[in-house]
Amino acid sequence: MTEPYAKPRKVRCPTCGADVVWSAESPYRPFCSERCRLIDLGAWATDKYRVEGETPLDDSSDPLRQTH
């Protein structure tokens, strides 16, 4: 249970590093603004960021998509 007068939690914006209060008043959290959120989304869309792992299967070699 949180204390009624506890300090609000702050996080750093992953794009610019600004402090962001983690609350309903910060609609773009963990980002400080819509601009930083869109910059991050664009980085994912252009493959600047990637999640390591195996290359995804194409439809023809995916065992869940093959018809019997």
PDB file of N, CA and C in Angstrom:
ATOM      1  N   MET A   1       0.843  -1.171   0.000  1.00  0.00           N
ATOM      2  CA  MET A   1       0.000   0.000   0.000  1.00  0.00           C
ATOM      3  C   MET A   1       0.889   1.234   0.000  1.00  0.00           C
ATOM      4  N   THR A   2       0.547   2.213  -0.824  1.00  0.00           N
ATOM      5  CA  THR A   2       1.357   3.417  -0.894  1.00  0.00           C
ATOM      6  C   THR A   2       0.892   4.426   0.137  1.00  0.00           C
ATOM      7  N   GLU A   3       1.833   5.220   0.586  1.00  0.00           N
ATOM      8  CA  GLU A   3       1.508   6.263   1.548  1.00  0.00           C
ATOM      9  C   GLU A   3       0.842   7.421   0.814  1.00  0.00           C
ATOM     10  N   PRO A   4      -0.114   8.100   1.448  1.00  0.00           N
ATOM     11  CA  PRO A   4      -0.817   9.173   0.752  1.00  0.00           C
ATOM     12  C   PRO A   4       0.084  10.346   0.379  1.00  0.00           C
ATOM     13  N   TYR A   5       1.187  10.537   1.101  1.00  0.00           N
ATOM     14  CA  TYR A   5       2.068  11.668   0.821  1.00  0.00           C
ATOM     15  C   TYR A   5       3.424  11.213   0.296  1.00  0.00           C
ATOM     16  N   ALA A   6       3.480  10.024  -0.265  1.00  0.00           N
ATOM     17  CA  ALA A   6       4.734   9.513  -0.796  1.00  0.00           C
ATOM     18  C   ALA A   6       5.130  10.310  -2.041  1.00  0.00           C
ATOM     19  N   LYS A   7       6.435  10.441  -2.242  1.00  0.00           N
ATOM     20  CA  LYS A   7       6.923  11.132  -3.432  1.00  0.00           C
ATOM     21  C   LYS A   7       6.507  10.350  -4.670  1.00  0.00           C
ATOM     22  N   PRO A   8       6.098  11.041  -5.723  1.00  0.00           N
ATOM     23  CA  PRO A   8       5.761  10.310  -6.946  1.00  0.00           C
ATOM     24  C   PRO A   8       7.022   9.693  -7.553  1.00  0.00           C
ATOM     25  N   ARG A   9       6.869   8.541  -8.139  1.00  0.00           N
ATOM     26  CA  ARG A   9       7.995   7.845  -8.748  1.00  0.00           C
ATOM     27  C   ARG A   9       8.393   8.578 -10.018  1.00  0.00           C
ATOM     28  N   LYS A  10       9.693   8.740 -10.228  1.00  0.00           N
ATOM     29  CA  LYS A  10      10.195   9.375 -11.438  1.00  0.00           C
ATOM     30  C   LYS A  10      11.013   8.366 -12.220  1.00  0.00           C
ATOM     31  N   VAL A  11      10.884   8.414 -13.528  1.00  0.00           N
ATOM     32  CA  VAL A  11      11.672   7.582 -14.434  1.00  0.00           C
ATOM     33  C   VAL A  11      12.324   8.505 -15.459  1.00  0.00           C
ATOM     34  N   ARG A  12      13.306   7.993 -16.156  1.00  0.00           N
ATOM     35  CA  ARG A  12      13.956   8.774 -17.210  1.00  0.00           C
ATOM     36  C   ARG A  12      13.332   8.423 -18.554  1.00  0.00           C
ATOM     37  N   CYS A  13      13.067   9.441 -19.354  1.00  0.00           N
ATOM     38  CA  CYS A  13      12.552   9.237 -20.711  1.00  0.00           C
ATOM     39  C   CYS A  13      13.602   8.444 -21.481  1.00  0.00           C
ATOM     40  N   PRO A  14      13.231   7.312 -22.102  1.00  0.00           N
ATOM     41  CA  PRO A  14      14.211   6.505 -22.822  1.00  0.00           C
ATOM     42  C   PRO A  14      14.793   7.205 -24.051  1.00  0.00           C
ATOM     43  N   THR A  15      14.114   8.226 -24.545  1.00  0.00           N
ATOM     44  CA  THR A  15      14.592   8.915 -25.740  1.00  0.00           C
ATOM     45  C   THR A  15      15.533  10.062 -25.412  1.00  0.00           C
ATOM     46  N   CYS A  16      15.138  10.951 -24.503  1.00  0.00           N
ATOM     47  CA  CYS A  16      15.947  12.151 -24.239  1.00  0.00           C
ATOM     48  C   CYS A  16      16.547  12.196 -22.843  1.00  0.00           C
ATOM     49  N   GLY A  17      16.104  11.333 -21.943  1.00  0.00           N
ATOM     50  CA  GLY A  17      16.664  11.284 -20.600  1.00  0.00           C
ATOM     51  C   GLY A  17      16.025  12.232 -19.597  1.00  0.00           C
ATOM     52  N   ALA A  18      14.984  12.963 -19.994  1.00  0.00           N
ATOM     53  CA  ALA A  18      14.310  13.872 -19.073  1.00  0.00           C
ATOM     54  C   ALA A  18      13.591  13.087 -17.982  1.00  0.00           C
ATOM     55  N   ASP A  19      13.434  13.688 -16.808  1.00  0.00           N
ATOM     56  CA  ASP A  19      12.678  13.063 -15.725  1.00  0.00           C
ATOM     57  C   ASP A  19      11.185  13.100 -16.049  1.00  0.00           C
ATOM     58  N   VAL A  20      10.509  11.976 -15.801  1.00  0.00           N
ATOM     59  CA  VAL A  20       9.076  11.859 -16.050  1.00  0.00           C
ATOM     60  C   VAL A  20       8.426  11.329 -14.783  1.00  0.00           C
ATOM     61  N   VAL A  21       7.393  11.998 -14.313  1.00  0.00           N
ATOM     62  CA  VAL A  21       6.644  11.524 -13.152  1.00  0.00           C
ATOM     63  C   VAL A  21       5.748  10.386 -13.620  1.00  0.00           C
ATOM     64  N   TRP A  22       5.828   9.239 -12.925  1.00  0.00           N
ATOM     65  CA  TRP A  22       5.043   8.064 -13.303  1.00  0.00           C
ATOM     66  C   TRP A  22       3.668   8.187 -12.655  1.00  0.00           C
ATOM     67  N   SER A  23       2.750   8.836 -13.391  1.00  0.00           N
ATOM     68  CA  SER A  23       1.397   9.012 -12.875  1.00  0.00           C
ATOM     69  C   SER A  23       0.449   9.248 -14.042  1.00  0.00           C
ATOM     70  N   ALA A  24      -0.836   9.303 -13.736  1.00  0.00           N
ATOM     71  CA  ALA A  24      -1.844   9.533 -14.761  1.00  0.00           C
ATOM     72  C   ALA A  24      -1.679  10.898 -15.426  1.00  0.00           C
ATOM     73  N   GLU A  25      -1.014  11.824 -14.758  1.00  0.00           N
ATOM     74  CA  GLU A  25      -0.797  13.146 -15.327  1.00  0.00           C
ATOM     75  C   GLU A  25       0.271  13.138 -16.421  1.00  0.00           C
ATOM     76  N   SER A  26       0.959  12.027 -16.594  1.00  0.00           N
ATOM     77  CA  SER A  26       1.986  11.883 -17.638  1.00  0.00           C
ATOM     78  C   SER A  26       1.497  10.848 -18.651  1.00  0.00           C
ATOM     79  N   PRO A  27       0.663  11.268 -19.597  1.00  0.00           N
ATOM     80  CA  PRO A  27       0.021  10.308 -20.497  1.00  0.00           C
ATOM     81  C   PRO A  27       0.975   9.566 -21.428  1.00  0.00           C
ATOM     82  N   TYR A  28       2.183  10.071 -21.639  1.00  0.00           N
ATOM     83  CA  TYR A  28       3.122   9.420 -22.564  1.00  0.00           C
ATOM     84  C   TYR A  28       4.170   8.581 -21.846  1.00  0.00           C
ATOM     85  N   ARG A  29       4.036   8.415 -20.521  1.00  0.00           N
ATOM     86  CA  ARG A  29       5.037   7.681 -19.759  1.00  0.00           C
ATOM     87  C   ARG A  29       5.306   6.321 -20.368  1.00  0.00           C
ATOM     88  N   PRO A  30       6.499   5.856 -20.430  1.00  0.00           N
ATOM     89  CA  PRO A  30       7.704   6.377 -19.796  1.00  0.00           C
ATOM     90  C   PRO A  30       8.353   7.522 -20.571  1.00  0.00           C
ATOM     91  N   PHE A  31       7.738   7.973 -21.656  1.00  0.00           N
ATOM     92  CA  PHE A  31       8.297   9.078 -22.427  1.00  0.00           C
ATOM     93  C   PHE A  31       7.814  10.400 -21.861  1.00  0.00           C
ATOM     94  N   CYS A  32       8.579  11.463 -22.102  1.00  0.00           N
ATOM     95  CA  CYS A  32       8.210  12.771 -21.571  1.00  0.00           C
ATOM     96  C   CYS A  32       7.194  13.483 -22.455  1.00  0.00           C
ATOM     97  N   SER A  33       7.096  13.066 -23.710  1.00  0.00           N
ATOM     98  CA  SER A  33       6.211  13.757 -24.645  1.00  0.00           C
ATOM     99  C   SER A  33       5.827  12.833 -25.789  1.00  0.00           C
ATOM    100  N   GLU A  34       4.854  13.270 -26.558  1.00  0.00           N
ATOM    101  CA  GLU A  34       4.464  12.498 -27.736  1.00  0.00           C
ATOM    102  C   GLU A  34       5.614  12.448 -28.737  1.00  0.00           C
ATOM    103  N   ARG A  35       6.372  13.538 -28.828  1.00  0.00           N
ATOM    104  CA  ARG A  35       7.502  13.579 -29.753  1.00  0.00           C
ATOM    105  C   ARG A  35       8.507  12.471 -29.435  1.00  0.00           C
ATOM    106  N   CYS A  36       8.892  12.336 -28.173  1.00  0.00           N
ATOM    107  CA  CYS A  36       9.838  11.285 -27.797  1.00  0.00           C
ATOM    108  C   CYS A  36       9.253   9.899 -28.028  1.00  0.00           C
ATOM    109  N   ARG A  37       7.966   9.734 -27.783  1.00  0.00           N
ATOM    110  CA  ARG A  37       7.306   8.449 -28.027  1.00  0.00           C
ATOM    111  C   ARG A  37       7.369   8.093 -29.509  1.00  0.00           C
ATOM    112  N   LEU A  38       7.122   9.072 -30.374  1.00  0.00           N
ATOM    113  CA  LEU A  38       7.137   8.824 -31.817  1.00  0.00           C
ATOM    114  C   LEU A  38       8.549   8.587 -32.340  1.00  0.00           C
ATOM    115  N   ILE A  39       9.541   9.250 -31.767  1.00  0.00           N
ATOM    116  CA  ILE A  39      10.929   8.993 -32.148  1.00  0.00           C
ATOM    117  C   ILE A  39      11.276   7.538 -31.849  1.00  0.00           C
ATOM    118  N   ASP A  40      10.887   7.055 -30.669  1.00  0.00           N
ATOM    119  CA  ASP A  40      11.149   5.662 -30.293  1.00  0.00           C
ATOM    120  C   ASP A  40      10.411   4.692 -31.218  1.00  0.00           C
ATOM    121  N   LEU A  41       9.161   4.975 -31.506  1.00  0.00           N
ATOM    122  CA  LEU A  41       8.382   4.116 -32.410  1.00  0.00           C
ATOM    123  C   LEU A  41       9.034   4.066 -33.787  1.00  0.00           C
ATOM    124  N   GLY A  42       9.495   5.210 -34.273  1.00  0.00           N
ATOM    125  CA  GLY A  42      10.167   5.254 -35.566  1.00  0.00           C
ATOM    126  C   GLY A  42      11.438   4.433 -35.586  1.00  0.00           C
ATOM    127  N   ALA A  43      12.172   4.429 -34.473  1.00  0.00           N
ATOM    128  CA  ALA A  43      13.391   3.624 -34.395  1.00  0.00           C
ATOM    129  C   ALA A  43      13.073   2.140 -34.510  1.00  0.00           C
ATOM    130  N   TRP A  44      11.987   1.702 -33.883  1.00  0.00           N
ATOM    131  CA  TRP A  44      11.580   0.298 -34.009  1.00  0.00           C
ATOM    132  C   TRP A  44      11.128   0.000 -35.437  1.00  0.00           C
ATOM    133  N   ALA A  45      10.367   0.917 -36.029  1.00  0.00           N
ATOM    134  CA  ALA A  45       9.820   0.699 -37.376  1.00  0.00           C
ATOM    135  C   ALA A  45      10.910   0.631 -38.438  1.00  0.00           C
ATOM    136  N   THR A  46      12.024   1.311 -38.217  1.00  0.00           N
ATOM    137  CA  THR A  46      13.110   1.306 -39.200  1.00  0.00           C
ATOM    138  C   THR A  46      14.217   0.315 -38.840  1.00  0.00           C
ATOM    139  N   ASP A  47      13.942  -0.562 -37.893  1.00  0.00           N
ATOM    140  CA  ASP A  47      14.879  -1.602 -37.461  1.00  0.00           C
ATOM    141  C   ASP A  47      16.143  -1.053 -36.807  1.00  0.00           C
ATOM    142  N   LYS A  48      16.104   0.188 -36.303  1.00  0.00           N
ATOM    143  CA  LYS A  48      17.237   0.693 -35.528  1.00  0.00           C
ATOM    144  C   LYS A  48      17.354  -0.113 -34.239  1.00  0.00           C
ATOM    145  N   TYR A  49      16.209  -0.481 -33.668  1.00  0.00           N
ATOM    146  CA  TYR A  49      16.165  -1.365 -32.504  1.00  0.00           C
ATOM    147  C   TYR A  49      15.720  -2.732 -32.987  1.00  0.00           C
ATOM    148  N   ARG A  50      16.296  -3.755 -32.407  1.00  0.00           N
ATOM    149  CA  ARG A  50      15.893  -5.121 -32.746  1.00  0.00           C
ATOM    150  C   ARG A  50      15.933  -5.984 -31.501  1.00  0.00           C
ATOM    151  N   VAL A  51      15.069  -6.968 -31.462  1.00  0.00           N
ATOM    152  CA  VAL A  51      15.085  -7.966 -30.409  1.00  0.00           C
ATOM    153  C   VAL A  51      15.869  -9.146 -30.956  1.00  0.00           C
ATOM    154  N   GLU A  52      16.907  -9.541 -30.227  1.00  0.00           N
ATOM    155  CA  GLU A  52      17.736 -10.645 -30.705  1.00  0.00           C
ATOM    156  C   GLU A  52      16.958 -11.947 -30.692  1.00  0.00           C
ATOM    157  N   GLY A  53      17.269 -12.790 -31.633  1.00  0.00           N
ATOM    158  CA  GLY A  53      16.634 -14.096 -31.707  1.00  0.00           C
ATOM    159  C   GLY A  53      16.758 -14.650 -33.106  1.00  0.00           C
ATOM    160  N   GLU A  54      16.140 -15.784 -33.305  1.00  0.00           N
ATOM    161  CA  GLU A  54      16.175 -16.413 -34.613  1.00  0.00           C
ATOM    162  C   GLU A  54      15.329 -15.627 -35.602  1.00  0.00           C
ATOM    163  N   THR A  55      15.659 -15.757 -36.869  1.00  0.00           N
ATOM    164  CA  THR A  55      14.872 -15.127 -37.919  1.00  0.00           C
ATOM    165  C   THR A  55      13.491 -15.770 -37.928  1.00  0.00           C
ATOM    166  N   PRO A  56      12.435 -14.966 -38.021  1.00  0.00           N
ATOM    167  CA  PRO A  56      11.096 -15.557 -38.028  1.00  0.00           C
ATOM    168  C   PRO A  56      10.887 -16.464 -39.242  1.00  0.00           C
ATOM    169  N   LEU A  57      10.046 -17.435 -39.064  1.00  0.00           N
ATOM    170  CA  LEU A  57       9.724 -18.356 -40.150  1.00  0.00           C
ATOM    171  C   LEU A  57       8.832 -17.673 -41.170  1.00  0.00           C
ATOM    172  N   ASP A  58       9.000 -18.036 -42.439  1.00  0.00           N
ATOM    173  CA  ASP A  58       8.034 -17.563 -43.416  1.00  0.00           C
ATOM    174  C   ASP A  58       6.810 -18.477 -43.361  1.00  0.00           C
ATOM    175  N   ASP A  59       5.733 -18.093 -43.985  1.00  0.00           N
ATOM    176  CA  ASP A  59       4.484 -18.848 -43.893  1.00  0.00           C
ATOM    177  C   ASP A  59       4.620 -20.291 -44.365  1.00  0.00           C
ATOM    178  N   SER A  60       5.436 -20.537 -45.388  1.00  0.00           N
ATOM    179  CA  SER A  60       5.527 -21.893 -45.932  1.00  0.00           C
ATOM    180  C   SER A  60       6.277 -22.850 -45.008  1.00  0.00           C
ATOM    181  N   SER A  61       7.166 -22.338 -44.150  1.00  0.00           N
ATOM    182  CA  SER A  61       7.902 -23.233 -43.261  1.00  0.00           C
ATOM    183  C   SER A  61       7.393 -23.182 -41.818  1.00  0.00           C
ATOM    184  N   ASP A  62       6.357 -22.405 -41.554  1.00  0.00           N
ATOM    185  CA  ASP A  62       5.797 -22.307 -40.223  1.00  0.00           C
ATOM    186  C   ASP A  62       4.880 -23.504 -39.984  1.00  0.00           C
ATOM    187  N   PRO A  63       5.216 -24.396 -39.041  1.00  0.00           N
ATOM    188  CA  PRO A  63       4.404 -25.591 -38.825  1.00  0.00           C
ATOM    189  C   PRO A  63       2.975 -25.280 -38.370  1.00  0.00           C
ATOM    190  N   LEU A  64       2.741 -24.136 -37.790  1.00  0.00           N
ATOM    191  CA  LEU A  64       1.383 -23.799 -37.367  1.00  0.00           C
ATOM    192  C   LEU A  64       0.512 -23.319 -38.509  1.00  0.00           C
ATOM    193  N   ARG A  65       1.104 -22.960 -39.632  1.00  0.00           N
ATOM    194  CA  ARG A  65       0.337 -22.457 -40.763  1.00  0.00           C
ATOM    195  C   ARG A  65       0.208 -23.490 -41.899  1.00  0.00           C
ATOM    196  N   GLN A  66       0.858 -24.608 -41.747  1.00  0.00           N
ATOM    197  CA  GLN A  66       0.793 -25.618 -42.802  1.00  0.00           C
ATOM    198  C   GLN A  66      -0.544 -26.346 -42.758  1.00  0.00           C
ATOM    199  N   THR A  67      -1.076 -26.609 -43.919  1.00  0.00           N
ATOM    200  CA  THR A  67      -2.312 -27.389 -44.005  1.00  0.00           C
ATOM    201  C   THR A  67      -1.958 -28.833 -44.262  1.00  0.00           C
ATOM    202  N   HIS A  68      -2.741 -29.712 -43.737  1.00  0.00           N
ATOM    203  CA  HIS A  68      -2.438 -31.151 -43.876  1.00  0.00           C
ATOM    204  C   HIS A  68      -3.086 -31.731 -45.082  1.00  0.00           C
TER     205      HIS A  68
END
